[in-house]
Amino acid sequence: MVGFKCADIGMKCGFAINGGSSKEEVLQEAQVHARVAHGMATIPPDVAAKVSSAIH
């Protein structure tokens, strides 16, 4: 199982994904969260890279 927390990339946000079945699944869920909760219509490449590297 893999997961991600916004706090892992320096965001002041309590969002966490735990128990994802793959890194790709967690990345997709994080992208949806970024759009909805953080108002990011598109995810900048540098942010996507940070999220990807923080998925554990």
N, C-alpha and C. Protein backbone atom coordinates (compact mmCIF):
# COMPACT_ATOMS: atom_id res chain seq x y z
N MET A 1 0.85 -1.19 0.00
CA MET A 1 0.00 0.00 0.00
C MET A 1 0.88 1.24 0.00
N VAL A 2 0.43 2.25 -0.68
CA VAL A 2 1.17 3.50 -0.77
C VAL A 2 0.31 4.66 -0.30
N GLY A 3 0.94 5.78 0.03
CA GLY A 3 0.19 6.92 0.52
C GLY A 3 0.91 8.23 0.27
N PHE A 4 0.22 9.31 0.63
CA PHE A 4 0.74 10.66 0.44
C PHE A 4 0.06 11.59 1.42
N LYS A 5 0.80 12.60 1.89
CA LYS A 5 0.25 13.66 2.73
C LYS A 5 0.68 15.00 2.14
N CYS A 6 -0.23 15.95 2.07
CA CYS A 6 0.11 17.29 1.59
C CYS A 6 1.25 17.87 2.43
N ALA A 7 1.22 17.60 3.72
CA ALA A 7 2.26 18.12 4.62
C ALA A 7 3.65 17.66 4.20
N ASP A 8 3.74 16.51 3.52
CA ASP A 8 5.04 15.99 3.09
C ASP A 8 5.72 16.88 2.07
N ILE A 9 4.95 17.75 1.41
CA ILE A 9 5.55 18.67 0.44
C ILE A 9 5.44 20.12 0.91
N GLY A 10 5.23 20.29 2.21
CA GLY A 10 5.24 21.62 2.80
C GLY A 10 3.92 22.36 2.81
N MET A 11 2.84 21.69 2.46
CA MET A 11 1.53 22.35 2.46
C MET A 11 0.96 22.32 3.88
N LYS A 12 0.27 23.38 4.26
CA LYS A 12 -0.41 23.42 5.55
C LYS A 12 -1.81 22.86 5.33
N CYS A 13 -1.86 21.56 5.17
CA CYS A 13 -3.10 20.86 4.83
C CYS A 13 -3.05 19.49 5.47
N GLY A 14 -4.13 19.06 6.05
CA GLY A 14 -4.18 17.77 6.71
C GLY A 14 -4.56 16.61 5.81
N PHE A 15 -4.66 16.85 4.51
CA PHE A 15 -5.07 15.80 3.58
C PHE A 15 -4.05 14.67 3.55
N ALA A 16 -4.54 13.44 3.56
CA ALA A 16 -3.69 12.26 3.45
C ALA A 16 -4.41 11.18 2.69
N ILE A 17 -3.67 10.47 1.89
CA ILE A 17 -4.16 9.29 1.19
C ILE A 17 -3.39 8.12 1.77
N ASN A 18 -4.10 7.15 2.28
CA ASN A 18 -3.45 5.97 2.83
C ASN A 18 -4.07 4.74 2.21
N GLY A 19 -3.24 3.79 1.86
CA GLY A 19 -3.76 2.53 1.37
C GLY A 19 -4.02 2.46 -0.11
N GLY A 20 -3.41 3.35 -0.88
CA GLY A 20 -3.56 3.27 -2.33
C GLY A 20 -2.90 2.00 -2.85
N SER A 21 -3.40 1.48 -3.94
CA SER A 21 -2.85 0.23 -4.47
C SER A 21 -1.63 0.44 -5.35
N SER A 22 -1.45 1.69 -5.85
CA SER A 22 -0.28 1.96 -6.69
C SER A 22 0.07 3.44 -6.59
N LYS A 23 1.30 3.76 -6.97
CA LYS A 23 1.75 5.15 -6.98
C LYS A 23 0.89 5.97 -7.93
N GLU A 24 0.54 5.40 -9.08
CA GLU A 24 -0.28 6.10 -10.06
C GLU A 24 -1.66 6.44 -9.51
N GLU A 25 -2.26 5.49 -8.77
CA GLU A 25 -3.58 5.73 -8.18
C GLU A 25 -3.50 6.88 -7.16
N VAL A 26 -2.49 6.86 -6.32
CA VAL A 26 -2.33 7.91 -5.32
C VAL A 26 -2.08 9.26 -5.99
N LEU A 27 -1.28 9.29 -7.04
CA LEU A 27 -1.02 10.53 -7.76
C LEU A 27 -2.31 11.09 -8.36
N GLN A 28 -3.15 10.24 -8.91
CA GLN A 28 -4.43 10.70 -9.47
C GLN A 28 -5.32 11.29 -8.38
N GLU A 29 -5.39 10.62 -7.22
CA GLU A 29 -6.20 11.13 -6.12
C GLU A 29 -5.66 12.45 -5.60
N ALA A 30 -4.34 12.58 -5.55
CA ALA A 30 -3.72 13.82 -5.10
C ALA A 30 -4.02 14.96 -6.08
N GLN A 31 -4.05 14.66 -7.37
CA GLN A 31 -4.37 15.68 -8.37
C GLN A 31 -5.80 16.16 -8.21
N VAL A 32 -6.73 15.26 -7.96
CA VAL A 32 -8.12 15.65 -7.73
C VAL A 32 -8.20 16.54 -6.49
N HIS A 33 -7.52 16.14 -5.43
CA HIS A 33 -7.51 16.93 -4.20
C HIS A 33 -6.95 18.33 -4.46
N ALA A 34 -5.87 18.42 -5.21
CA ALA A 34 -5.25 19.72 -5.50
C ALA A 34 -6.23 20.64 -6.23
N ARG A 35 -6.99 20.08 -7.16
CA ARG A 35 -7.97 20.89 -7.90
C ARG A 35 -9.09 21.36 -6.99
N VAL A 36 -9.64 20.44 -6.21
CA VAL A 36 -10.81 20.75 -5.38
C VAL A 36 -10.45 21.59 -4.17
N ALA A 37 -9.46 21.17 -3.40
CA ALA A 37 -9.16 21.81 -2.13
C ALA A 37 -8.22 23.01 -2.26
N HIS A 38 -7.33 22.98 -3.25
CA HIS A 38 -6.34 24.03 -3.36
C HIS A 38 -6.56 24.94 -4.57
N GLY A 39 -7.63 24.68 -5.33
CA GLY A 39 -7.98 25.53 -6.45
C GLY A 39 -6.99 25.51 -7.60
N MET A 40 -6.27 24.41 -7.75
CA MET A 40 -5.27 24.31 -8.81
C MET A 40 -5.91 23.70 -10.05
N ALA A 41 -6.25 24.53 -11.03
CA ALA A 41 -6.88 24.04 -12.25
C ALA A 41 -5.95 23.09 -13.00
N THR A 42 -4.67 23.40 -12.97
CA THR A 42 -3.66 22.51 -13.53
C THR A 42 -2.57 22.34 -12.48
N ILE A 43 -1.91 21.22 -12.53
CA ILE A 43 -0.85 20.92 -11.57
C ILE A 43 0.48 21.25 -12.25
N PRO A 44 1.21 22.25 -11.76
CA PRO A 44 2.50 22.58 -12.36
C PRO A 44 3.46 21.39 -12.29
N PRO A 45 4.31 21.23 -13.28
CA PRO A 45 5.23 20.09 -13.30
C PRO A 45 6.09 19.97 -12.04
N ASP A 46 6.53 21.09 -11.48
CA ASP A 46 7.36 21.01 -10.28
C ASP A 46 6.58 20.48 -9.08
N VAL A 47 5.31 20.85 -8.97
CA VAL A 47 4.47 20.35 -7.88
C VAL A 47 4.19 18.86 -8.10
N ALA A 48 3.88 18.47 -9.33
CA ALA A 48 3.64 17.06 -9.63
C ALA A 48 4.87 16.22 -9.29
N ALA A 49 6.06 16.74 -9.57
CA ALA A 49 7.29 16.02 -9.25
C ALA A 49 7.47 15.88 -7.75
N LYS A 50 7.15 16.94 -6.99
CA LYS A 50 7.25 16.88 -5.53
C LYS A 50 6.28 15.83 -4.98
N VAL A 51 5.05 15.85 -5.47
CA VAL A 51 4.05 14.88 -5.01
C VAL A 51 4.51 13.48 -5.35
N SER A 52 4.95 13.27 -6.56
CA SER A 52 5.40 11.94 -6.98
C SER A 52 6.53 11.42 -6.11
N SER A 53 7.48 12.29 -5.79
CA SER A 53 8.61 11.84 -4.97
C SER A 53 8.23 11.64 -3.51
N ALA A 54 7.13 12.26 -3.05
CA ALA A 54 6.70 12.12 -1.66
C ALA A 54 5.78 10.92 -1.43
N ILE A 55 5.33 10.30 -2.51
CA ILE A 55 4.46 9.12 -2.35
C ILE A 55 5.31 7.97 -1.82
N HIS A 56 4.81 7.39 -0.76
CA HIS A 56 5.56 6.28 -0.13
C HIS A 56 4.68 5.08 0.11
